[in-house]
PDB file of N, CA and C in Angstrom:
ATOM      1  N   UNK A   1     -62.895-180.107 -17.250  1.00  0.00           N
ATOM      2  CA  UNK A   1     -63.863-180.252 -16.184  1.00  0.00           C
ATOM      3  C   UNK A   1     -63.238-181.095 -15.083  1.00  0.00           C
ATOM      4  N   UNK A   2     -63.320-180.607 -13.889  1.00  0.00           N
ATOM      5  CA  UNK A   2     -62.688-181.281 -12.766  1.00  0.00           C
ATOM      6  C   UNK A   2     -63.371-182.614 -12.476  1.00  0.00           C
ATOM      7  N   UNK A   3     -62.554-183.637 -12.291  1.00  0.00           N
ATOM      8  CA  UNK A   3     -63.127-184.948 -11.992  1.00  0.00           C
ATOM      9  C   UNK A   3     -63.519-185.057 -10.525  1.00  0.00           C
ATOM     10  N   UNK A   4     -63.088-184.106  -9.695  1.00  0.00           N
ATOM     11  CA  UNK A   4     -63.435-184.142  -8.278  1.00  0.00           C
ATOM     12  C   UNK A   4     -64.836-183.580  -8.018  1.00  0.00           C
ATOM     13  N   UNK A   5     -65.421-182.982  -9.024  1.00  0.00           N
ATOM     14  CA  UNK A   5     -66.756-182.396  -8.861  1.00  0.00           C
ATOM     15  C   UNK A   5     -67.820-183.502  -8.883  1.00  0.00           C
ATOM     16  N   UNK A   6     -69.063-183.107  -8.850  1.00  0.00           N
ATOM     17  CA  UNK A   6     -70.180-184.040  -8.854  1.00  0.00           C
ATOM     18  C   UNK A   6     -70.154-184.883 -10.137  1.00  0.00           C
ATOM     19  N   UNK A   7     -69.984-186.177 -10.004  1.00  0.00           N
ATOM     20  CA  UNK A   7     -69.844-187.032 -11.184  1.00  0.00           C
ATOM     21  C   UNK A   7     -71.137-187.155 -11.971  1.00  0.00           C
ATOM     22  N   UNK A   8     -72.270-187.031 -11.306  1.00  0.00           N
ATOM     23  CA  UNK A   8     -73.548-187.107 -12.018  1.00  0.00           C
ATOM     24  C   UNK A   8     -73.759-185.862 -12.866  1.00  0.00           C
ATOM     25  N   UNK A   9     -73.405-184.711 -12.323  1.00  0.00           N
ATOM     26  CA  UNK A   9     -73.507-183.470 -13.089  1.00  0.00           C
ATOM     27  C   UNK A   9     -72.592-183.521 -14.296  1.00  0.00           C
ATOM     28  N   UNK A  10     -71.371-183.998 -14.100  1.00  0.00           N
ATOM     29  CA  UNK A  10     -70.419-184.125 -15.199  1.00  0.00           C
ATOM     30  C   UNK A  10     -70.965-185.060 -16.278  1.00  0.00           C
ATOM     31  N   UNK A  11     -71.523-186.186 -15.864  1.00  0.00           N
ATOM     32  CA  UNK A  11     -72.075-187.152 -16.810  1.00  0.00           C
ATOM     33  C   UNK A  11     -73.174-186.519 -17.659  1.00  0.00           C
ATOM     34  N   UNK A  12     -74.102-185.820 -17.011  1.00  0.00           N
ATOM     35  CA  UNK A  12     -75.219-185.239 -17.748  1.00  0.00           C
ATOM     36  C   UNK A  12     -74.798-184.054 -18.611  1.00  0.00           C
ATOM     37  N   UNK A  13     -73.807-183.302 -18.193  1.00  0.00           N
ATOM     38  CA  UNK A  13     -73.295-182.222 -19.040  1.00  0.00           C
ATOM     39  C   UNK A  13     -72.664-182.788 -20.308  1.00  0.00           C
ATOM     40  N   UNK A  14     -71.928-183.873 -20.161  1.00  0.00           N
ATOM     41  CA  UNK A  14     -71.289-184.485 -21.329  1.00  0.00           C
ATOM     42  C   UNK A  14     -72.326-185.138 -22.233  1.00  0.00           C
ATOM     43  N   UNK A  15     -73.357-185.746 -21.649  1.00  0.00           N
ATOM     44  CA  UNK A  15     -74.438-186.302 -22.468  1.00  0.00           C
ATOM     45  C   UNK A  15     -75.147-185.193 -23.243  1.00  0.00           C
ATOM     46  N   UNK A  16     -75.374-184.069 -22.583  1.00  0.00           N
ATOM     47  CA  UNK A  16     -75.992-182.924 -23.253  1.00  0.00           C
ATOM     48  C   UNK A  16     -75.116-182.393 -24.369  1.00  0.00           C
ATOM     49  N   UNK A  17     -73.816-182.348 -24.139  1.00  0.00           N
ATOM     50  CA  UNK A  17     -72.886-181.882 -25.168  1.00  0.00           C
ATOM     51  C   UNK A  17     -72.879-182.834 -26.357  1.00  0.00           C
ATOM     52  N   UNK A  18     -73.042-184.122 -26.098  1.00  0.00           N
ATOM     53  CA  UNK A  18     -73.091-185.098 -27.188  1.00  0.00           C
ATOM     54  C   UNK A  18     -74.294-184.827 -28.088  1.00  0.00           C
ATOM     55  N   UNK A  19     -75.413-184.501 -27.496  1.00  0.00           N
ATOM     56  CA  UNK A  19     -76.596-184.180 -28.297  1.00  0.00           C
ATOM     57  C   UNK A  19     -76.450-182.823 -28.985  1.00  0.00           C
ATOM     58  N   UNK A  20     -75.836-181.874 -28.299  1.00  0.00           N
ATOM     59  CA  UNK A  20     -75.640-180.553 -28.896  1.00  0.00           C
ATOM     60  C   UNK A  20     -74.768-180.628 -30.132  1.00  0.00           C
ATOM     61  N   UNK A  21     -73.679-181.366 -30.057  1.00  0.00           N
ATOM     62  CA  UNK A  21     -72.762-181.381 -31.200  1.00  0.00           C
ATOM     63  C   UNK A  21     -73.353-182.118 -32.400  1.00  0.00           C
ATOM     64  N   UNK A  22     -74.413-182.853 -32.194  1.00  0.00           N
ATOM     65  CA  UNK A  22     -75.074-183.531 -33.308  1.00  0.00           C
ATOM     66  C   UNK A  22     -76.185-182.687 -33.924  1.00  0.00           C
ATOM     67  N   UNK A  23     -76.711-181.699 -33.181  1.00  0.00           N
ATOM     68  CA  UNK A  23     -77.907-180.993 -33.629  1.00  0.00           C
ATOM     69  C   UNK A  23     -77.767-179.486 -33.830  1.00  0.00           C
ATOM     70  N   UNK A  24     -76.845-178.844 -33.152  1.00  0.00           N
ATOM     71  CA  UNK A  24     -76.714-177.383 -33.219  1.00  0.00           C
ATOM     72  C   UNK A  24     -75.474-177.037 -34.043  1.00  0.00           C
ATOM     73  N   UNK A  25     -75.650-176.312 -35.157  1.00  0.00           N
ATOM     74  CA  UNK A  25     -74.512-176.036 -36.050  1.00  0.00           C
ATOM     75  C   UNK A  25     -73.329-175.352 -35.369  1.00  0.00           C
ATOM     76  N   UNK A  26     -73.583-174.420 -34.469  1.00  0.00           N
ATOM     77  CA  UNK A  26     -72.500-173.727 -33.768  1.00  0.00           C
ATOM     78  C   UNK A  26     -71.638-174.715 -32.977  1.00  0.00           C
ATOM     79  N   UNK A  27     -72.285-175.650 -32.305  1.00  0.00           N
ATOM     80  CA  UNK A  27     -71.557-176.639 -31.522  1.00  0.00           C
ATOM     81  C   UNK A  27     -70.967-177.723 -32.422  1.00  0.00           C
ATOM     82  N   UNK A  28     -71.560-177.983 -33.581  1.00  0.00           N
ATOM     83  CA  UNK A  28     -70.980-178.935 -34.532  1.00  0.00           C
ATOM     84  C   UNK A  28     -69.629-178.431 -35.018  1.00  0.00           C
ATOM     85  N   UNK A  29     -69.571-177.142 -35.362  1.00  0.00           N
ATOM     86  CA  UNK A  29     -68.314-176.566 -35.831  1.00  0.00           C
ATOM     87  C   UNK A  29     -67.258-176.576 -34.729  1.00  0.00           C
ATOM     88  N   UNK A  30     -67.668-176.214 -33.511  1.00  0.00           N
ATOM     89  CA  UNK A  30     -66.733-176.196 -32.389  1.00  0.00           C
ATOM     90  C   UNK A  30     -66.189-177.597 -32.124  1.00  0.00           C
ATOM     91  N   UNK A  31     -67.068-178.592 -32.092  1.00  0.00           N
ATOM     92  CA  UNK A  31     -66.662-179.982 -31.853  1.00  0.00           C
ATOM     93  C   UNK A  31     -65.693-180.445 -32.944  1.00  0.00           C
ATOM     94  N   UNK A  32     -66.016-180.155 -34.194  1.00  0.00           N
ATOM     95  CA  UNK A  32     -65.164-180.589 -35.302  1.00  0.00           C
ATOM     96  C   UNK A  32     -63.781-179.945 -35.221  1.00  0.00           C
ATOM     97  N   UNK A  33     -63.731-178.665 -34.853  1.00  0.00           N
ATOM     98  CA  UNK A  33     -62.446-177.977 -34.729  1.00  0.00           C
ATOM     99  C   UNK A  33     -61.611-178.589 -33.607  1.00  0.00           C
ATOM    100  N   UNK A  34     -62.227-178.843 -32.468  1.00  0.00           N
ATOM    101  CA  UNK A  34     -61.496-179.419 -31.341  1.00  0.00           C
ATOM    102  C   UNK A  34     -61.097-180.864 -31.629  1.00  0.00           C
ATOM    103  N   UNK A  35     -61.925-181.583 -32.364  1.00  0.00           N
ATOM    104  CA  UNK A  35     -61.628-182.975 -32.718  1.00  0.00           C
ATOM    105  C   UNK A  35     -60.341-183.051 -33.535  1.00  0.00           C
ATOM    106  N   UNK A  36     -60.160-182.100 -34.443  1.00  0.00           N
ATOM    107  CA  UNK A  36     -58.956-182.133 -35.282  1.00  0.00           C
ATOM    108  C   UNK A  36     -57.722-181.603 -34.558  1.00  0.00           C
ATOM    109  N   UNK A  37     -57.910-180.817 -33.490  1.00  0.00           N
ATOM    110  CA  UNK A  37     -56.776-180.212 -32.791  1.00  0.00           C
ATOM    111  C   UNK A  37     -56.032-181.171 -31.864  1.00  0.00           C
ATOM    112  N   UNK A  38     -56.739-182.105 -31.256  1.00  0.00           N
ATOM    113  CA  UNK A  38     -56.100-182.934 -30.233  1.00  0.00           C
ATOM    114  C   UNK A  38     -55.515-184.208 -30.846  1.00  0.00           C
ATOM    115  N   UNK A  39     -54.368-184.677 -30.330  1.00  0.00           N
ATOM    116  CA  UNK A  39     -53.723-185.846 -30.912  1.00  0.00           C
ATOM    117  C   UNK A  39     -54.294-187.188 -30.443  1.00  0.00           C
ATOM    118  N   UNK A  40     -54.723-187.284 -29.156  1.00  0.00           N
ATOM    119  CA  UNK A  40     -55.218-188.554 -28.628  1.00  0.00           C
ATOM    120  C   UNK A  40     -56.589-188.368 -28.012  1.00  0.00           C
ATOM    121  N   UNK A  41     -57.355-189.440 -27.973  1.00  0.00           N
ATOM    122  CA  UNK A  41     -58.688-189.438 -27.374  1.00  0.00           C
ATOM    123  C   UNK A  41     -59.538-188.311 -27.952  1.00  0.00           C
ATOM    124  N   UNK A  42     -59.568-188.234 -29.262  1.00  0.00           N
ATOM    125  CA  UNK A  42     -60.192-187.107 -29.955  1.00  0.00           C
ATOM    126  C   UNK A  42     -61.648-186.891 -29.569  1.00  0.00           C
ATOM    127  N   UNK A  43     -62.460-187.947 -29.617  1.00  0.00           N
ATOM    128  CA  UNK A  43     -63.887-187.790 -29.343  1.00  0.00           C
ATOM    129  C   UNK A  43     -64.125-187.353 -27.900  1.00  0.00           C
ATOM    130  N   UNK A  44     -63.483-188.013 -26.962  1.00  0.00           N
ATOM    131  CA  UNK A  44     -63.696-187.684 -25.548  1.00  0.00           C
ATOM    132  C   UNK A  44     -63.241-186.265 -25.234  1.00  0.00           C
ATOM    133  N   UNK A  45     -62.092-185.879 -25.738  1.00  0.00           N
ATOM    134  CA  UNK A  45     -61.562-184.540 -25.453  1.00  0.00           C
ATOM    135  C   UNK A  45     -62.445-183.469 -26.092  1.00  0.00           C
ATOM    136  N   UNK A  46     -62.837-183.679 -27.344  1.00  0.00           N
ATOM    137  CA  UNK A  46     -63.699-182.708 -28.010  1.00  0.00           C
ATOM    138  C   UNK A  46     -65.052-182.619 -27.312  1.00  0.00           C
ATOM    139  N   UNK A  47     -65.544-183.730 -26.813  1.00  0.00           N
ATOM    140  CA  UNK A  47     -66.833-183.745 -26.116  1.00  0.00           C
ATOM    141  C   UNK A  47     -66.750-182.982 -24.797  1.00  0.00           C
ATOM    142  N   UNK A  48     -65.687-183.163 -24.052  1.00  0.00           N
ATOM    143  CA  UNK A  48     -65.528-182.444 -22.785  1.00  0.00           C
ATOM    144  C   UNK A  48     -65.375-180.944 -23.039  1.00  0.00           C
ATOM    145  N   UNK A  49     -64.630-180.575 -24.062  1.00  0.00           N
ATOM    146  CA  UNK A  49     -64.486-179.152 -24.387  1.00  0.00           C
ATOM    147  C   UNK A  49     -65.811-178.551 -24.847  1.00  0.00           C
ATOM    148  N   UNK A  50     -66.608-179.322 -25.572  1.00  0.00           N
ATOM    149  CA  UNK A  50     -67.926-178.860 -25.984  1.00  0.00           C
ATOM    150  C   UNK A  50     -68.830-178.698 -24.768  1.00  0.00           C
ATOM    151  N   UNK A  51     -68.724-179.600 -23.809  1.00  0.00           N
ATOM    152  CA  UNK A  51     -69.513-179.492 -22.577  1.00  0.00           C
ATOM    153  C   UNK A  51     -69.126-178.238 -21.807  1.00  0.00           C
ATOM    154  N   UNK A  52     -67.840-177.933 -21.753  1.00  0.00           N
ATOM    155  CA  UNK A  52     -67.389-176.717 -21.069  1.00  0.00           C
ATOM    156  C   UNK A  52     -67.943-175.478 -21.741  1.00  0.00           C
ATOM    157  N   UNK A  53     -67.920-175.467 -23.077  1.00  0.00           N
ATOM    158  CA  UNK A  53     -68.463-174.318 -23.808  1.00  0.00           C
ATOM    159  C   UNK A  53     -69.961-174.204 -23.553  1.00  0.00           C
ATOM    160  N   UNK A  54     -70.682-175.313 -23.594  1.00  0.00           N
ATOM    161  CA  UNK A  54     -72.129-175.275 -23.380  1.00  0.00           C
ATOM    162  C   UNK A  54     -72.463-174.800 -21.972  1.00  0.00           C
ATOM    163  N   UNK A  55     -71.649-175.177 -21.002  1.00  0.00           N
ATOM    164  CA  UNK A  55     -71.872-174.726 -19.639  1.00  0.00           C
ATOM    165  C   UNK A  55     -71.725-173.210 -19.534  1.00  0.00           C
ATOM    166  N   UNK A  56     -70.732-172.661 -20.214  1.00  0.00           N
ATOM    167  CA  UNK A  56     -70.569-171.209 -20.240  1.00  0.00           C
ATOM    168  C   UNK A  56     -71.760-170.514 -20.873  1.00  0.00           C
ATOM    169  N   UNK A  57     -72.281-171.098 -21.954  1.00  0.00           N
ATOM    170  CA  UNK A  57     -73.464-170.539 -22.621  1.00  0.00           C
ATOM    171  C   UNK A  57     -74.674-170.614 -21.699  1.00  0.00           C
ATOM    172  N   UNK A  58     -74.854-171.742 -21.034  1.00  0.00           N
ATOM    173  CA  UNK A  58     -76.002-171.927 -20.132  1.00  0.00           C
ATOM    174  C   UNK A  58     -75.950-170.934 -18.974  1.00  0.00           C
ATOM    175  N   UNK A  59     -74.794-170.788 -18.362  1.00  0.00           N
ATOM    176  CA  UNK A  59     -74.654-169.855 -17.237  1.00  0.00           C
ATOM    177  C   UNK A  59     -74.916-168.428 -17.701  1.00  0.00           C
ATOM    178  N   UNK A  60     -74.404-168.069 -18.861  1.00  0.00           N
ATOM    179  CA  UNK A  60     -74.640-166.733 -19.393  1.00  0.00           C
ATOM    180  C   UNK A  60     -76.107-166.476 -19.669  1.00  0.00           C
ATOM    181  N   UNK A  61     -76.792-167.457 -20.237  1.00  0.00           N
ATOM    182  CA  UNK A  61     -78.223-167.302 -20.518  1.00  0.00           C
ATOM    183  C   UNK A  61     -79.027-167.182 -19.240  1.00  0.00           C
ATOM    184  N   UNK A  62     -78.684-167.961 -18.240  1.00  0.00           N
ATOM    185  CA  UNK A  62     -79.386-167.870 -16.958  1.00  0.00           C
ATOM    186  C   UNK A  62     -79.119-166.525 -16.283  1.00  0.00           C
ATOM    187  N   UNK A  63     -77.894-166.045 -16.396  1.00  0.00           N
ATOM    188  CA  UNK A  63     -77.538-164.768 -15.786  1.00  0.00           C
ATOM    189  C   UNK A  63     -78.303-163.613 -16.435  1.00  0.00           C
ATOM    190  N   UNK A  64     -78.432-163.656 -17.768  1.00  0.00           N
ATOM    191  CA  UNK A  64     -79.144-162.600 -18.497  1.00  0.00           C
ATOM    192  C   UNK A  64     -80.643-162.855 -18.589  1.00  0.00           C
ATOM    193  N   UNK A  65     -81.082-164.034 -18.144  1.00  0.00           N
ATOM    194  CA  UNK A  65     -82.495-164.413 -18.167  1.00  0.00           C
ATOM    195  C   UNK A  65     -83.091-164.302 -19.572  1.00  0.00           C
ATOM    196  N   UNK A  66     -82.445-164.955 -20.527  1.00  0.00           N
ATOM    197  CA  UNK A  66     -82.931-164.932 -21.902  1.00  0.00           C
ATOM    198  C   UNK A  66     -82.872-166.329 -22.501  1.00  0.00           C
ATOM    199  N   UNK A  67     -83.687-166.609 -23.502  1.00  0.00           N
ATOM    200  CA  UNK A  67     -83.670-167.938 -24.134  1.00  0.00           C
ATOM    201  C   UNK A  67     -82.474-168.077 -25.080  1.00  0.00           C
ATOM    202  N   UNK A  68     -82.142-169.313 -25.403  1.00  0.00           N
ATOM    203  CA  UNK A  68     -81.041-169.579 -26.332  1.00  0.00           C
ATOM    204  C   UNK A  68     -81.479-169.238 -27.742  1.00  0.00           C
ATOM    205  N   UNK A  69     -80.622-168.522 -28.436  1.00  0.00           N
ATOM    206  CA  UNK A  69     -80.828-168.248 -29.857  1.00  0.00           C
ATOM    207  C   UNK A  69     -79.565-168.672 -30.581  1.00  0.00           C
ATOM    208  N   UNK A  70     -79.737-169.340 -31.715  1.00  0.00           N
ATOM    209  CA  UNK A  70     -78.573-169.800 -32.458  1.00  0.00           C
ATOM    210  C   UNK A  70     -77.817-168.600 -33.027  1.00  0.00           C
ATOM    211  N   UNK A  71     -76.619-168.874 -33.516  1.00  0.00           N
ATOM    212  CA  UNK A  71     -75.775-167.827 -34.072  1.00  0.00           C
ATOM    213  C   UNK A  71     -76.461-167.128 -35.243  1.00  0.00           C
ATOM    214  N   UNK A  72     -77.172-167.896 -36.059  1.00  0.00           N
ATOM    215  CA  UNK A  72     -77.864-167.328 -37.217  1.00  0.00           C
ATOM    216  C   UNK A  72     -79.002-166.399 -36.786  1.00  0.00           C
ATOM    217  N   UNK A  73     -79.711-166.774 -35.725  1.00  0.00           N
ATOM    218  CA  UNK A  73     -80.813-165.950 -35.218  1.00  0.00           C
ATOM    219  C   UNK A  73     -80.309-164.652 -34.619  1.00  0.00           C
ATOM    220  N   UNK A  74     -79.134-164.681 -34.020  1.00  0.00           N
ATOM    221  CA  UNK A  74     -78.587-163.474 -33.388  1.00  0.00           C
ATOM    222  C   UNK A  74     -78.181-162.428 -34.414  1.00  0.00           C
ATOM    223  N   UNK A  75     -77.794-162.861 -35.619  1.00  0.00           N
ATOM    224  CA  UNK A  75     -77.304-161.934 -36.626  1.00  0.00           C
ATOM    225  C   UNK A  75     -78.400-161.466 -37.588  1.00  0.00           C
ATOM    226  N   UNK A  76     -79.627-161.870 -37.365  1.00  0.00           N
ATOM    227  CA  UNK A  76     -80.695-161.396 -38.260  1.00  0.00           C
ATOM    228  C   UNK A  76     -81.559-160.381 -37.571  1.00  0.00           C
TER     229      UNK A  76
END
């Protein structure tokens, strides 16, 4: 995520990602995988990558005008 962008938006996206990785299984797995992949600043890097993924999901949902459904709900 570019640091030259709106710092308040960046802050709130990362705060949202912090809550997502604690509560949504799909994002928990993604966060855990990224946490183990990076050598330094593991939590911060995994959190920023989770925020980027969540932003992609949010934009896609807004574009398709549909509510969020977890991975388990999509496959049933």
